[in-house]
Amino acid sequence: MRKYIWDAKEAAARALRFTAGKTLHDYLGDELLRAAVERQFLILGEALGRLRQLDSSLASRIADLNQAVALRNQLAHGYAEIDDVIVWGIVAGPLQRMLGELESL
């Protein structure tokens, strides 16, 4: 269980680190950056999904856990419909809060 929390925390931190100082325009124009951020969301969502299976009470302390798992599933299975602006909005918005929640576990 600790591994999943650590993996999720590291993935969130990496995505934030990769995008630090970047703008939406930068993100849209850099396919390597988009791929790197999407990979971190895949790891984050997978780790949180496994955490939810092992300890739903602990997982419930992460506000956007279900959305993170859903994003992972969308990236893995519905990649053709990914909206880069929405992914950027998650990086620029709720991801920092989620990292804080993960760090407090």
C-alpha atoms as a PDB file:
ATOM      1  CA  MET A   1       0.000   0.000   0.000  1.00  0.00           C
ATOM      2  CA  ARG A   2       2.828   2.411   0.802  1.00  0.00           C
ATOM      3  CA  LYS A   3       4.299   1.768  -2.627  1.00  0.00           C
ATOM      4  CA  TYR A   4       1.107   2.935  -4.326  1.00  0.00           C
ATOM      5  CA  ILE A   5       1.003   6.105  -2.257  1.00  0.00           C
ATOM      6  CA  TRP A   6       4.685   6.732  -3.037  1.00  0.00           C
ATOM      7  CA  ASP A   7       4.192   6.025  -6.753  1.00  0.00           C
ATOM      8  CA  ALA A   8       1.182   8.346  -6.914  1.00  0.00           C
ATOM      9  CA  LYS A   9       2.988  11.092  -5.014  1.00  0.00           C
ATOM     10  CA  GLU A  10       6.072  10.841  -7.221  1.00  0.00           C
ATOM     11  CA  ALA A  11       4.024  10.848 -10.421  1.00  0.00           C
ATOM     12  CA  ALA A  12       2.112  13.958  -9.342  1.00  0.00           C
ATOM     13  CA  ALA A  13       5.343  15.685  -8.322  1.00  0.00           C
ATOM     14  CA  ARG A  14       7.007  14.793 -11.639  1.00  0.00           C
ATOM     15  CA  ALA A  15       4.093  16.132 -13.686  1.00  0.00           C
ATOM     16  CA  LEU A  16       4.230  19.382 -11.731  1.00  0.00           C
ATOM     17  CA  ARG A  17       7.998  19.583 -12.051  1.00  0.00           C
ATOM     18  CA  PHE A  18       7.868  18.910 -15.815  1.00  0.00           C
ATOM     19  CA  THR A  19       5.354  21.727 -16.298  1.00  0.00           C
ATOM     20  CA  ALA A  20       6.806  24.285 -13.873  1.00  0.00           C
ATOM     21  CA  GLY A  21       7.172  27.636 -15.588  1.00  0.00           C
ATOM     22  CA  LYS A  22       5.299  26.403 -18.667  1.00  0.00           C
ATOM     23  CA  THR A  23       2.140  27.790 -20.200  1.00  0.00           C
ATOM     24  CA  LEU A  24      -0.712  26.095 -22.013  1.00  0.00           C
ATOM     25  CA  HIS A  25       0.864  27.304 -25.243  1.00  0.00           C
ATOM     26  CA  ASP A  26       4.155  25.624 -24.273  1.00  0.00           C
ATOM     27  CA  TYR A  27       2.328  22.428 -23.390  1.00  0.00           C
ATOM     28  CA  LEU A  28       0.356  22.298 -26.637  1.00  0.00           C
ATOM     29  CA  GLY A  29       3.489  22.935 -28.681  1.00  0.00           C
ATOM     30  CA  ASP A  30       5.660  20.278 -27.058  1.00  0.00           C
ATOM     31  CA  GLU A  31       4.687  16.680 -27.822  1.00  0.00           C
ATOM     32  CA  LEU A  32       7.479  15.323 -25.622  1.00  0.00           C
ATOM     33  CA  LEU A  33       6.169  17.313 -22.648  1.00  0.00           C
ATOM     34  CA  ARG A  34       2.605  16.136 -23.307  1.00  0.00           C
ATOM     35  CA  ALA A  35       3.769  12.516 -23.509  1.00  0.00           C
ATOM     36  CA  ALA A  36       5.764  12.846 -20.278  1.00  0.00           C
ATOM     37  CA  VAL A  37       2.837  14.388 -18.389  1.00  0.00           C
ATOM     38  CA  GLU A  38       0.409  11.800 -19.729  1.00  0.00           C
ATOM     39  CA  ARG A  39       2.764   9.021 -18.587  1.00  0.00           C
ATOM     40  CA  GLN A  40       2.737  10.464 -15.077  1.00  0.00           C
ATOM     41  CA  PHE A  41      -1.061  10.561 -15.108  1.00  0.00           C
ATOM     42  CA  LEU A  42      -1.101   6.908 -16.161  1.00  0.00           C
ATOM     43  CA  ILE A  43       1.108   6.019 -13.185  1.00  0.00           C
ATOM     44  CA  LEU A  44      -0.882   8.243 -10.824  1.00  0.00           C
ATOM     45  CA  GLY A  45      -4.242   6.790 -11.838  1.00  0.00           C
ATOM     46  CA  GLU A  46      -3.021   3.197 -11.741  1.00  0.00           C
ATOM     47  CA  ALA A  47      -1.463   3.614  -8.300  1.00  0.00           C
ATOM     48  CA  LEU A  48      -4.588   5.278  -6.923  1.00  0.00           C
ATOM     49  CA  GLY A  49      -6.834   2.614  -8.421  1.00  0.00           C
ATOM     50  CA  ARG A  50      -4.811  -0.084  -6.693  1.00  0.00           C
ATOM     51  CA  LEU A  51      -4.808   1.878  -3.440  1.00  0.00           C
ATOM     52  CA  ARG A  52      -8.599   2.134  -3.644  1.00  0.00           C
ATOM     53  CA  GLN A  53      -8.828  -1.655  -4.013  1.00  0.00           C
ATOM     54  CA  LEU A  54      -6.580  -2.266  -1.001  1.00  0.00           C
ATOM     55  CA  ASP A  55      -7.829   0.397   1.400  1.00  0.00           C
ATOM     56  CA  SER A  56     -10.944   2.292   0.388  1.00  0.00           C
ATOM     57  CA  SER A  57     -10.970   4.219   3.677  1.00  0.00           C
ATOM     58  CA  LEU A  58      -7.483   5.605   3.074  1.00  0.00           C
ATOM     59  CA  ALA A  59      -8.244   6.231  -0.586  1.00  0.00           C
ATOM     60  CA  SER A  60     -11.320   8.258   0.376  1.00  0.00           C
ATOM     61  CA  ARG A  61      -8.977  10.893   1.839  1.00  0.00           C
ATOM     62  CA  ILE A  62      -7.917  11.822  -1.716  1.00  0.00           C
ATOM     63  CA  ALA A  63     -10.616  14.129  -3.045  1.00  0.00           C
ATOM     64  CA  ASP A  64     -10.136  13.608  -6.784  1.00  0.00           C
ATOM     65  CA  LEU A  65      -9.089   9.953  -6.702  1.00  0.00           C
ATOM     66  CA  ASN A  66     -11.960   8.753  -8.897  1.00  0.00           C
ATOM     67  CA  GLN A  67     -11.258  11.436 -11.471  1.00  0.00           C
ATOM     68  CA  ALA A  68      -7.553  10.500 -11.533  1.00  0.00           C
ATOM     69  CA  VAL A  69      -8.419   6.849 -12.143  1.00  0.00           C
ATOM     70  CA  ALA A  70     -10.893   7.870 -14.851  1.00  0.00           C
ATOM     71  CA  LEU A  71      -8.237  10.021 -16.536  1.00  0.00           C
ATOM     72  CA  ARG A  72      -5.827   7.075 -16.452  1.00  0.00           C
ATOM     73  CA  ASN A  73      -8.449   4.904 -18.125  1.00  0.00           C
ATOM     74  CA  GLN A  74      -9.132   7.569 -20.734  1.00  0.00           C
ATOM     75  CA  LEU A  75      -5.426   7.916 -21.507  1.00  0.00           C
ATOM     76  CA  ALA A  76      -4.961   4.147 -21.736  1.00  0.00           C
ATOM     77  CA  HIS A  77      -8.109   3.192 -23.606  1.00  0.00           C
ATOM     78  CA  GLY A  78      -9.612   6.338 -25.102  1.00  0.00           C
ATOM     79  CA  TYR A  79      -6.421   8.106 -26.106  1.00  0.00           C
ATOM     80  CA  ALA A  80      -7.935   9.310 -29.385  1.00  0.00           C
ATOM     81  CA  GLU A  81     -10.329  11.562 -27.475  1.00  0.00           C
ATOM     82  CA  ILE A  82      -7.825  13.152 -25.083  1.00  0.00           C
ATOM     83  CA  ASP A  83      -8.263  16.897 -24.837  1.00  0.00           C
ATOM     84  CA  ASP A  84      -4.869  18.462 -24.113  1.00  0.00           C
ATOM     85  CA  VAL A  85      -6.504  21.586 -22.720  1.00  0.00           C
ATOM     86  CA  ILE A  86      -8.335  19.499 -20.100  1.00  0.00           C
ATOM     87  CA  VAL A  87      -5.135  17.659 -19.162  1.00  0.00           C
ATOM     88  CA  TRP A  88      -3.367  21.001 -18.777  1.00  0.00           C
ATOM     89  CA  GLY A  89      -6.230  22.264 -16.626  1.00  0.00           C
ATOM     90  CA  ILE A  90      -5.692  19.355 -14.240  1.00  0.00           C
ATOM     91  CA  VAL A  91      -1.982  20.112 -14.013  1.00  0.00           C
ATOM     92  CA  ALA A  92      -2.684  23.793 -13.444  1.00  0.00           C
ATOM     93  CA  GLY A  93      -5.523  23.127 -10.989  1.00  0.00           C
ATOM     94  CA  PRO A  94      -6.280  20.119  -8.802  1.00  0.00           C
ATOM     95  CA  LEU A  95      -2.983  18.248  -9.179  1.00  0.00           C
ATOM     96  CA  GLN A  96      -1.163  20.420  -6.616  1.00  0.00           C
ATOM     97  CA  ARG A  97      -3.936  19.821  -4.075  1.00  0.00           C
ATOM     98  CA  MET A  98      -3.789  16.081  -4.733  1.00  0.00           C
ATOM     99  CA  LEU A  99      -0.040  16.088  -4.186  1.00  0.00           C
ATOM    100  CA  GLY A 100      -0.614  17.736  -0.812  1.00  0.00           C
ATOM    101  CA  GLU A 101      -3.174  15.097   0.104  1.00  0.00           C
ATOM    102  CA  LEU A 102      -0.773  12.324  -0.890  1.00  0.00           C
ATOM    103  CA  GLU A 103       2.033  13.857   1.109  1.00  0.00           C
ATOM    104  CA  SER A 104      -0.173  13.923   4.205  1.00  0.00           C
ATOM    105  CA  LEU A 105      -0.913  10.170   4.048  1.00  0.00           C
END
